[in-house]
């Protein structure tokens, strides 16, 4: 698998290299804690994340502001908690849309074959050739910068990474004798695909979607960092890294540091959890 933003190859989970038994549990606990903190942000954040306080600019950690304040006096902890909501929601939407649309295209192409299969495969090849960043720039040029433009363009960019793998698996599944038997019995194509083919492909689809989430999160953060994603003053981790970069030379690294750590910790924990899940699902499938 490749990252659609960078074009670099991404290693797939390899059987025999599963993390230790305690690692997935710890990773799952970290992921769950961050998700719960994001969900409860309005209840646990000590301040309004967009409240500006000119008298509290660039304050360090204190009892009033545990992680300090940013360049306009906003509480960094409150912005991290609220920013987690968009930072998690956006990649979740990307993987959901890419997973559902990619699976639908893949299974329909494998079933119908012929010119439709060739057209879908050609379209996927074209999209595969465009990095996500390029699509984001095009989307921003057409519709203006914004988080949902980034979500839409990334959903398109990630389509081939789901559809191409699922199509190959669907072709193998549709060649099995039970599919021909169901067809001869008069069962419709919709029922065969929905009740039999898709459930058998579900473990593979789950693995593809799971492994994509972490990379999607990094792409969303990168879009916000370069100004194509979330726009100020809305809190979002990638945007917080960008906003805090101006204070780094002045020794005020808190905003960029804590937002960058939040991204890194979540992605690493999620990838460890996703690798364990992928190995378990694929191992049971084999």
Protein backbone atom coordinates (compact mmCIF):
# COMPACT_ATOMS: atom_id res chain seq x y z
CA UNK A 1 0.00 0.00 0.00
CA UNK A 2 1.16 3.58 -0.68
CA UNK A 3 0.44 6.86 1.02
CA UNK A 4 -1.53 8.96 -1.52
CA UNK A 5 0.02 12.18 -0.23
CA UNK A 6 3.69 11.24 -0.39
CA UNK A 7 3.57 8.41 -2.90
CA UNK A 8 5.86 6.31 -0.69
CA UNK A 9 5.13 2.66 -0.13
CA UNK A 10 3.50 1.74 3.15
CA UNK A 11 4.31 -1.65 4.57
CA UNK A 12 1.36 -3.93 5.07
CA UNK A 13 1.08 -5.97 8.24
CA UNK A 14 3.24 -9.09 7.93
CA UNK A 15 2.28 -12.34 9.54
CA UNK A 16 4.69 -13.27 12.29
CA UNK A 17 5.47 -9.72 13.31
CA UNK A 18 2.54 -9.06 15.62
CA UNK A 19 3.20 -6.87 18.62
CA UNK A 20 3.38 -8.48 22.02
CA UNK A 21 0.19 -9.36 23.79
CA UNK A 22 0.31 -6.31 26.06
CA UNK A 23 1.08 -3.83 23.30
CA UNK A 24 -2.34 -3.91 21.60
CA UNK A 25 -4.04 -3.54 24.98
CA UNK A 26 -1.95 -0.49 25.85
CA UNK A 27 -2.43 0.97 22.37
CA UNK A 28 -6.18 0.38 22.59
CA UNK A 29 -6.29 2.10 25.97
CA UNK A 30 -4.51 5.16 24.55
CA UNK A 31 -6.83 5.31 21.54
CA UNK A 32 -9.91 4.90 23.74
CA UNK A 33 -8.71 7.59 26.15
CA UNK A 34 -8.15 10.11 23.34
CA UNK A 35 -11.51 9.32 21.74
CA UNK A 36 -13.30 9.70 25.08
CA UNK A 37 -11.47 12.97 25.78
CA UNK A 38 -12.55 14.28 22.37
CA UNK A 39 -16.16 13.26 22.96
CA UNK A 40 -16.21 14.87 26.39
CA UNK A 41 -14.26 18.00 25.39
CA UNK A 42 -17.11 20.47 26.06
CA UNK A 43 -17.43 19.04 29.58
CA UNK A 44 -13.79 18.71 30.60
CA UNK A 45 -12.06 21.58 28.77
CA UNK A 46 -11.27 24.29 31.33
CA UNK A 47 -11.78 27.22 28.91
CA UNK A 48 -13.49 28.21 25.69
CA UNK A 49 -11.00 27.05 23.03
CA UNK A 50 -11.50 30.22 20.98
CA UNK A 51 -11.48 32.70 23.87
CA UNK A 52 -8.71 35.29 23.39
CA UNK A 53 -6.97 36.78 26.43
CA UNK A 54 -4.42 39.52 25.55
CA UNK A 55 -3.16 39.49 29.15
CA UNK A 56 -2.24 35.79 29.02
CA UNK A 57 -0.20 35.63 25.79
CA UNK A 58 2.49 32.93 25.76
CA UNK A 59 2.14 31.94 29.38
CA UNK A 60 3.91 28.78 30.46
CA UNK A 61 2.42 25.86 32.32
CA UNK A 62 0.66 26.90 35.50
CA UNK A 63 -2.25 25.97 37.75
CA UNK A 64 -4.50 28.18 35.60
CA UNK A 65 -3.24 26.85 32.26
CA UNK A 66 -1.77 23.37 32.59
CA UNK A 67 -0.16 23.38 29.14
CA UNK A 68 0.24 27.13 28.82
CA UNK A 69 -1.32 29.54 26.33
CA UNK A 70 -0.75 30.39 22.68
CA UNK A 71 0.14 33.59 20.85
CA UNK A 72 -3.24 35.23 21.55
CA UNK A 73 -3.75 33.89 25.07
CA UNK A 74 -5.94 30.88 24.30
CA UNK A 75 -5.64 27.86 26.60
CA UNK A 76 -3.66 25.13 24.80
CA UNK A 77 -5.19 22.23 26.73
CA UNK A 78 -8.72 23.37 25.85
CA UNK A 79 -7.76 23.71 22.19
CA UNK A 80 -6.15 20.25 22.19
CA UNK A 81 -9.29 18.67 23.64
CA UNK A 82 -11.65 20.41 21.25
CA UNK A 83 -9.24 20.01 18.34
CA UNK A 84 -9.26 16.26 18.83
CA UNK A 85 -12.86 16.17 17.64
CA UNK A 86 -12.14 17.38 14.10
CA UNK A 87 -8.75 15.68 14.05
CA UNK A 88 -10.47 12.30 14.58
CA UNK A 89 -13.76 12.93 12.79
CA UNK A 90 -12.24 14.02 9.48
CA UNK A 91 -10.08 10.90 8.88
CA UNK A 92 -12.95 8.71 10.08
CA UNK A 93 -15.19 10.22 7.41
CA UNK A 94 -12.50 9.79 4.76
CA UNK A 95 -12.00 6.11 5.54
CA UNK A 96 -15.76 5.52 5.74
CA UNK A 97 -16.50 7.18 2.40
CA UNK A 98 -13.50 5.60 0.65
CA UNK A 99 -14.33 2.21 2.15
CA UNK A 100 -18.02 2.21 1.19
CA UNK A 101 -17.58 3.76 -2.25
CA UNK A 102 -14.47 1.73 -3.04
CA UNK A 103 -16.15 -1.52 -2.04
CA UNK A 104 -19.28 -0.73 -4.08
CA UNK A 105 -17.23 0.06 -7.18
CA UNK A 106 -14.99 -2.98 -6.72
CA UNK A 107 -17.78 -5.54 -6.23
CA UNK A 108 -19.95 -4.13 -9.02
CA UNK A 109 -16.99 -4.10 -11.42
CA UNK A 110 -16.09 -7.69 -10.54
CA UNK A 111 -19.70 -8.84 -10.98
CA UNK A 112 -20.57 -6.99 -14.18
CA UNK A 113 -17.18 -7.26 -15.88
CA UNK A 114 -16.81 -6.18 -19.52
CA UNK A 115 -16.70 -2.51 -20.42
CA UNK A 116 -17.90 -1.46 -16.97
CA UNK A 117 -15.02 -3.26 -15.27
CA UNK A 118 -12.54 -1.76 -17.71
CA UNK A 119 -13.97 1.73 -17.18
CA UNK A 120 -13.85 1.46 -13.38
CA UNK A 121 -10.33 0.00 -13.44
CA UNK A 122 -9.15 2.78 -15.75
CA UNK A 123 -10.73 5.44 -13.54
CA UNK A 124 -9.07 3.96 -10.44
CA UNK A 125 -5.71 3.94 -12.23
CA UNK A 126 -6.11 7.63 -13.10
CA UNK A 127 -7.01 8.60 -9.52
CA UNK A 128 -4.17 6.42 -8.22
CA UNK A 129 -1.71 8.56 -10.18
CA UNK A 130 -2.66 11.77 -8.34
CA UNK A 131 -1.25 12.32 -4.83
CA UNK A 132 -3.75 13.48 -2.25
CA UNK A 133 -1.95 16.82 -1.92
CA UNK A 134 -2.45 17.56 -5.61
CA UNK A 135 -6.16 16.77 -5.37
CA UNK A 136 -6.40 18.97 -2.27
CA UNK A 137 -4.83 21.91 -4.10
CA UNK A 138 -7.26 21.42 -7.00
CA UNK A 139 -10.20 21.18 -4.60
CA UNK A 140 -9.09 24.29 -2.71
CA UNK A 141 -8.68 26.19 -5.99
CA UNK A 142 -12.20 25.25 -7.09
CA UNK A 143 -14.12 25.47 -3.81
CA UNK A 144 -11.81 27.34 -1.45
CA UNK A 145 -9.78 25.92 1.45
CA UNK A 146 -11.58 24.13 4.24
CA UNK A 147 -11.66 20.91 6.20
CA UNK A 148 -14.57 19.38 4.27
CA UNK A 149 -12.89 20.09 0.94
CA UNK A 150 -9.86 18.22 2.27
CA UNK A 151 -12.13 15.37 3.40
CA UNK A 152 -13.75 15.14 -0.03
CA UNK A 153 -10.46 15.17 -1.94
CA UNK A 154 -8.84 12.64 0.37
CA UNK A 155 -11.87 10.36 0.07
CA UNK A 156 -11.31 10.35 -3.68
CA UNK A 157 -7.56 9.86 -3.27
CA UNK A 158 -8.02 6.83 -1.03
CA UNK A 159 -10.65 5.16 -3.23
CA UNK A 160 -8.15 3.12 -5.29
CA UNK A 161 -6.39 1.78 -2.20
CA UNK A 162 -9.59 0.07 -1.13
CA UNK A 163 -11.19 -0.66 -4.51
CA UNK A 164 -8.21 -2.29 -6.22
CA UNK A 165 -7.60 -4.77 -3.41
CA UNK A 166 -11.29 -5.54 -2.91
CA UNK A 167 -11.86 -6.00 -6.65
CA UNK A 168 -9.12 -8.64 -6.85
CA UNK A 169 -10.60 -10.47 -3.87
CA UNK A 170 -14.13 -10.13 -5.28
CA UNK A 171 -13.05 -11.71 -8.58
CA UNK A 172 -11.73 -14.72 -6.68
CA UNK A 173 -14.88 -14.92 -4.56
CA UNK A 174 -17.23 -14.69 -7.54
CA UNK A 175 -15.37 -17.53 -9.24
CA UNK A 176 -16.31 -19.95 -6.43
CA UNK A 177 -18.97 -22.59 -7.20
CA UNK A 178 -21.48 -21.37 -4.61
CA UNK A 179 -21.95 -18.08 -6.50
CA UNK A 180 -22.83 -19.87 -9.74
CA UNK A 181 -25.19 -22.17 -7.80
CA UNK A 182 -27.01 -19.22 -6.23
CA UNK A 183 -27.26 -17.54 -9.62
CA UNK A 184 -28.75 -20.71 -11.16
CA UNK A 185 -31.30 -20.86 -8.34
CA UNK A 186 -32.54 -17.44 -9.40
CA UNK A 187 -31.12 -15.33 -6.58
CA UNK A 188 -30.58 -11.74 -7.71
CA UNK A 189 -27.14 -10.23 -8.04
CA UNK A 190 -27.92 -7.77 -5.22
CA UNK A 191 -28.81 -10.54 -2.79
CA UNK A 192 -25.80 -12.65 -3.74
CA UNK A 193 -23.42 -9.74 -3.24
CA UNK A 194 -25.02 -8.34 -0.08
CA UNK A 195 -25.78 -11.61 1.71
CA UNK A 196 -22.85 -13.78 0.66
CA UNK A 197 -20.00 -12.02 -1.17
CA UNK A 198 -19.67 -8.91 1.01
CA UNK A 199 -19.70 -10.81 4.34
CA UNK A 200 -16.88 -13.00 3.03
CA UNK A 201 -14.92 -9.92 1.95
CA UNK A 202 -15.59 -8.03 5.20
CA UNK A 203 -12.34 -9.05 6.98
CA UNK A 204 -10.24 -7.78 4.08
CA UNK A 205 -12.26 -4.56 3.83
CA UNK A 206 -11.87 -4.03 7.57
CA UNK A 207 -8.11 -4.43 7.30
CA UNK A 208 -7.85 -1.97 4.40
CA UNK A 209 -9.95 0.66 6.15
CA UNK A 210 -8.16 0.20 9.46
CA UNK A 211 -4.68 0.57 8.00
CA UNK A 212 -5.74 3.70 6.11
CA UNK A 213 -6.98 5.66 9.11
CA UNK A 214 -3.61 6.62 10.58
CA UNK A 215 -2.22 7.81 7.25
CA UNK A 216 -5.41 9.73 6.57
CA UNK A 217 -5.05 11.49 9.91
CA UNK A 218 -1.54 12.58 9.00
CA UNK A 219 -2.77 13.86 5.62
CA UNK A 220 -5.59 15.85 7.22
CA UNK A 221 -3.13 17.41 9.66
CA UNK A 222 -0.78 18.23 6.79
CA UNK A 223 -3.57 19.93 4.82
CA UNK A 224 -4.41 22.10 7.81
CA UNK A 225 -0.72 22.84 8.35
CA UNK A 226 -0.33 24.27 4.83
CA UNK A 227 -3.59 26.21 5.06
CA UNK A 228 -5.84 24.01 2.92
CA UNK A 229 -7.74 22.33 5.75
CA UNK A 230 -9.27 23.71 8.95
CA UNK A 231 -9.25 27.50 9.06
CA UNK A 232 -8.56 29.71 12.13
CA UNK A 233 -9.76 30.13 14.80
CA UNK A 234 -11.24 26.59 14.83
CA UNK A 235 -9.03 24.28 16.91
CA UNK A 236 -7.51 21.32 15.06
CA UNK A 237 -4.20 19.60 15.73
CA UNK A 238 -2.57 20.22 12.35
CA UNK A 239 -3.59 23.86 12.40
CA UNK A 240 -2.27 24.21 15.97
CA UNK A 241 1.14 22.95 14.82
CA UNK A 242 1.13 25.59 12.08
CA UNK A 243 -0.06 28.41 14.36
CA UNK A 244 2.59 27.58 16.94
CA UNK A 245 5.47 27.57 14.47
CA UNK A 246 5.84 31.34 14.66
CA UNK A 247 6.60 31.16 18.39
CA UNK A 248 9.25 28.43 18.12
CA UNK A 249 12.08 30.88 17.38
CA UNK A 250 11.04 32.85 20.45
CA UNK A 251 11.27 29.70 22.57
CA UNK A 252 7.51 29.22 22.81
CA UNK A 253 7.22 25.69 21.54
CA UNK A 254 4.25 24.55 23.64
CA UNK A 255 1.48 24.85 21.06
CA UNK A 256 3.31 23.10 18.22
CA UNK A 257 4.94 20.60 20.57
CA UNK A 258 1.80 19.42 22.32
CA UNK A 259 -0.29 19.31 19.14
CA UNK A 260 2.46 17.41 17.31
CA UNK A 261 2.78 14.97 20.20
CA UNK A 262 -0.98 14.40 20.19
CA UNK A 263 -0.88 13.50 16.49
CA UNK A 264 2.15 11.25 16.89
CA UNK A 265 0.85 9.43 19.97
CA UNK A 266 -2.56 8.74 18.46
CA UNK A 267 -1.20 7.59 15.07
CA UNK A 268 1.39 5.28 16.65
CA UNK A 269 -1.14 3.82 19.10
CA UNK A 270 -3.76 3.38 16.39
CA UNK A 271 -1.31 1.75 13.98
CA UNK A 272 -0.20 -0.70 16.68
CA UNK A 273 -3.82 -1.52 17.41
CA UNK A 274 -4.66 -1.74 13.72
CA UNK A 275 -1.72 -4.04 13.03
CA UNK A 276 -2.80 -6.39 15.80
CA UNK A 277 -6.39 -6.37 14.53
CA UNK A 278 -5.28 -6.92 10.93
CA UNK A 279 -3.09 -9.85 11.88
CA UNK A 280 -5.84 -11.40 13.96
CA UNK A 281 -8.47 -11.03 11.22
CA UNK A 282 -6.22 -12.22 8.40
CA UNK A 283 -4.82 -15.01 10.55
CA UNK A 284 -8.31 -16.30 11.34
CA UNK A 285 -9.28 -15.95 7.68
CA UNK A 286 -6.37 -18.14 6.67
